[in-house]
Amino acid sequence: MTEDRTTSILSNSELAHLGEGQVAYVRKMKSDELLAAYPGIADIAPGLDIWTLFAANGNPILLANARDVAVAGAWENDLQAVSLH
């Protein structure tokens, strides 16, 4: 039995846009971590747990104090929410 496979390699640009406009990921972060990664994103007190909804390309879409609020934000934007651990 022979297996016939075709492998395609994605460019960095193609990989960066994979899932764009379709998928968003939800991640719980400390406010300190969020502010370090995105200076000036918002005026947030240090040490808080923040649920963040990110676009497929890694850009933050919204910040929430509860996971279900972040997931609802994905639905409102017609995005499929996935969790990032």
C-alpha atoms as a PDB file:
ATOM      1  CA  MET A   1       0.000   0.000   0.000  1.00  0.00           C
ATOM      2  CA  THR A   2       1.368   3.387  -0.922  1.00  0.00           C
ATOM      3  CA  GLU A   3       0.354   6.618   0.652  1.00  0.00           C
ATOM      4  CA  ASP A   4      -0.033   9.670  -1.507  1.00  0.00           C
ATOM      5  CA  ARG A   5       0.395  12.900   0.452  1.00  0.00           C
ATOM      6  CA  THR A   6       0.911  16.475  -0.516  1.00  0.00           C
ATOM      7  CA  THR A   7       2.515  18.809   1.970  1.00  0.00           C
ATOM      8  CA  SER A   8       2.165  22.537   1.672  1.00  0.00           C
ATOM      9  CA  ILE A   9       4.143  25.028   3.672  1.00  0.00           C
ATOM     10  CA  LEU A  10       2.514  28.205   4.905  1.00  0.00           C
ATOM     11  CA  SER A  11       4.401  31.459   4.678  1.00  0.00           C
ATOM     12  CA  ASN A  12       4.726  33.582   7.824  1.00  0.00           C
ATOM     13  CA  SER A  13       2.119  35.943   6.407  1.00  0.00           C
ATOM     14  CA  GLU A  14      -0.336  33.125   5.659  1.00  0.00           C
ATOM     15  CA  LEU A  15       0.185  31.663   9.126  1.00  0.00           C
ATOM     16  CA  ALA A  16      -0.388  35.065  10.749  1.00  0.00           C
ATOM     17  CA  HIS A  17      -3.758  35.395   8.994  1.00  0.00           C
ATOM     18  CA  LEU A  18      -4.953  31.837   9.624  1.00  0.00           C
ATOM     19  CA  GLY A  19      -8.357  32.020  11.297  1.00  0.00           C
ATOM     20  CA  GLU A  20      -8.574  35.791  10.976  1.00  0.00           C
ATOM     21  CA  GLY A  21     -12.169  36.972  11.166  1.00  0.00           C
ATOM     22  CA  GLN A  22     -13.334  33.497  12.214  1.00  0.00           C
ATOM     23  CA  VAL A  23     -11.561  32.458  15.412  1.00  0.00           C
ATOM     24  CA  ALA A  24     -10.705  34.290  18.618  1.00  0.00           C
ATOM     25  CA  TYR A  25      -9.104  32.931  21.731  1.00  0.00           C
ATOM     26  CA  VAL A  26      -9.912  33.580  25.360  1.00  0.00           C
ATOM     27  CA  ARG A  27      -7.160  33.741  27.943  1.00  0.00           C
ATOM     28  CA  LYS A  28      -7.070  34.590  31.639  1.00  0.00           C
ATOM     29  CA  MET A  29      -4.190  36.931  32.442  1.00  0.00           C
ATOM     30  CA  LYS A  30      -2.975  39.054  35.310  1.00  0.00           C
ATOM     31  CA  SER A  31      -3.353  42.756  34.617  1.00  0.00           C
ATOM     32  CA  ASP A  32       0.416  43.184  35.141  1.00  0.00           C
ATOM     33  CA  GLU A  33       1.117  40.684  32.339  1.00  0.00           C
ATOM     34  CA  LEU A  34      -1.373  42.390  30.041  1.00  0.00           C
ATOM     35  CA  LEU A  35       0.084  45.848  30.666  1.00  0.00           C
ATOM     36  CA  ALA A  36       3.633  44.564  30.072  1.00  0.00           C
ATOM     37  CA  ALA A  37       2.625  43.012  26.740  1.00  0.00           C
ATOM     38  CA  TYR A  38       0.454  45.934  25.601  1.00  0.00           C
ATOM     39  CA  PRO A  39       1.631  49.195  27.207  1.00  0.00           C
ATOM     40  CA  GLY A  40      -1.082  51.814  27.300  1.00  0.00           C
ATOM     41  CA  ILE A  41      -3.866  49.337  26.503  1.00  0.00           C
ATOM     42  CA  ALA A  42      -5.982  50.558  29.410  1.00  0.00           C
ATOM     43  CA  ASP A  43      -5.731  52.079  32.842  1.00  0.00           C
ATOM     44  CA  ILE A  44      -5.949  48.883  34.917  1.00  0.00           C
ATOM     45  CA  ALA A  45      -4.933  48.302  38.521  1.00  0.00           C
ATOM     46  CA  PRO A  46      -2.092  45.791  38.998  1.00  0.00           C
ATOM     47  CA  GLY A  47      -2.756  42.271  40.288  1.00  0.00           C
ATOM     48  CA  LEU A  48      -6.221  41.786  38.771  1.00  0.00           C
ATOM     49  CA  ASP A  49      -7.395  38.680  36.917  1.00  0.00           C
ATOM     50  CA  ILE A  50      -8.525  39.765  33.456  1.00  0.00           C
ATOM     51  CA  TRP A  51     -10.185  37.635  30.784  1.00  0.00           C
ATOM     52  CA  THR A  52      -8.923  38.762  27.398  1.00  0.00           C
ATOM     53  CA  LEU A  53     -10.388  38.000  23.985  1.00  0.00           C
ATOM     54  CA  PHE A  54      -7.694  37.964  21.303  1.00  0.00           C
ATOM     55  CA  ALA A  55      -8.078  37.917  17.530  1.00  0.00           C
ATOM     56  CA  ALA A  56      -6.449  35.029  15.687  1.00  0.00           C
ATOM     57  CA  ASN A  57      -3.472  37.292  14.924  1.00  0.00           C
ATOM     58  CA  GLY A  58      -2.906  37.987  18.642  1.00  0.00           C
ATOM     59  CA  ASN A  59      -4.368  41.478  18.849  1.00  0.00           C
ATOM     60  CA  PRO A  60      -6.577  42.047  21.899  1.00  0.00           C
ATOM     61  CA  ILE A  61     -10.253  42.601  21.112  1.00  0.00           C
ATOM     62  CA  LEU A  62     -11.726  43.092  24.576  1.00  0.00           C
ATOM     63  CA  LEU A  63     -11.014  42.832  28.289  1.00  0.00           C
ATOM     64  CA  ALA A  64     -13.513  41.389  30.763  1.00  0.00           C
ATOM     65  CA  ASN A  65     -13.796  40.474  34.415  1.00  0.00           C
ATOM     66  CA  ALA A  66     -15.445  37.105  33.626  1.00  0.00           C
ATOM     67  CA  ARG A  67     -14.858  34.367  31.051  1.00  0.00           C
ATOM     68  CA  ASP A  68     -18.492  34.283  29.899  1.00  0.00           C
ATOM     69  CA  VAL A  69     -18.357  38.004  29.101  1.00  0.00           C
ATOM     70  CA  ALA A  70     -15.277  37.455  26.897  1.00  0.00           C
ATOM     71  CA  VAL A  71     -16.967  34.517  25.116  1.00  0.00           C
ATOM     72  CA  ALA A  72     -20.112  36.607  24.583  1.00  0.00           C
ATOM     73  CA  GLY A  73     -17.887  39.262  23.004  1.00  0.00           C
ATOM     74  CA  ALA A  74     -16.655  36.664  20.526  1.00  0.00           C
ATOM     75  CA  TRP A  75     -20.230  35.676  19.645  1.00  0.00           C
ATOM     76  CA  GLU A  76     -21.212  39.324  19.175  1.00  0.00           C
ATOM     77  CA  ASN A  77     -18.383  39.615  16.637  1.00  0.00           C
ATOM     78  CA  ASP A  78     -19.342  36.354  14.863  1.00  0.00           C
ATOM     79  CA  LEU A  79     -16.146  34.670  16.053  1.00  0.00           C
ATOM     80  CA  GLN A  80     -15.649  31.121  17.315  1.00  0.00           C
ATOM     81  CA  ALA A  81     -14.095  31.358  20.785  1.00  0.00           C
ATOM     82  CA  VAL A  82     -11.422  28.872  21.819  1.00  0.00           C
ATOM     83  CA  SER A  83      -9.562  28.694  25.125  1.00  0.00           C
ATOM     84  CA  LEU A  84      -5.844  29.171  25.454  1.00  0.00           C
ATOM     85  CA  HIS A  85      -4.186  27.584  28.474  1.00  0.00           C
END
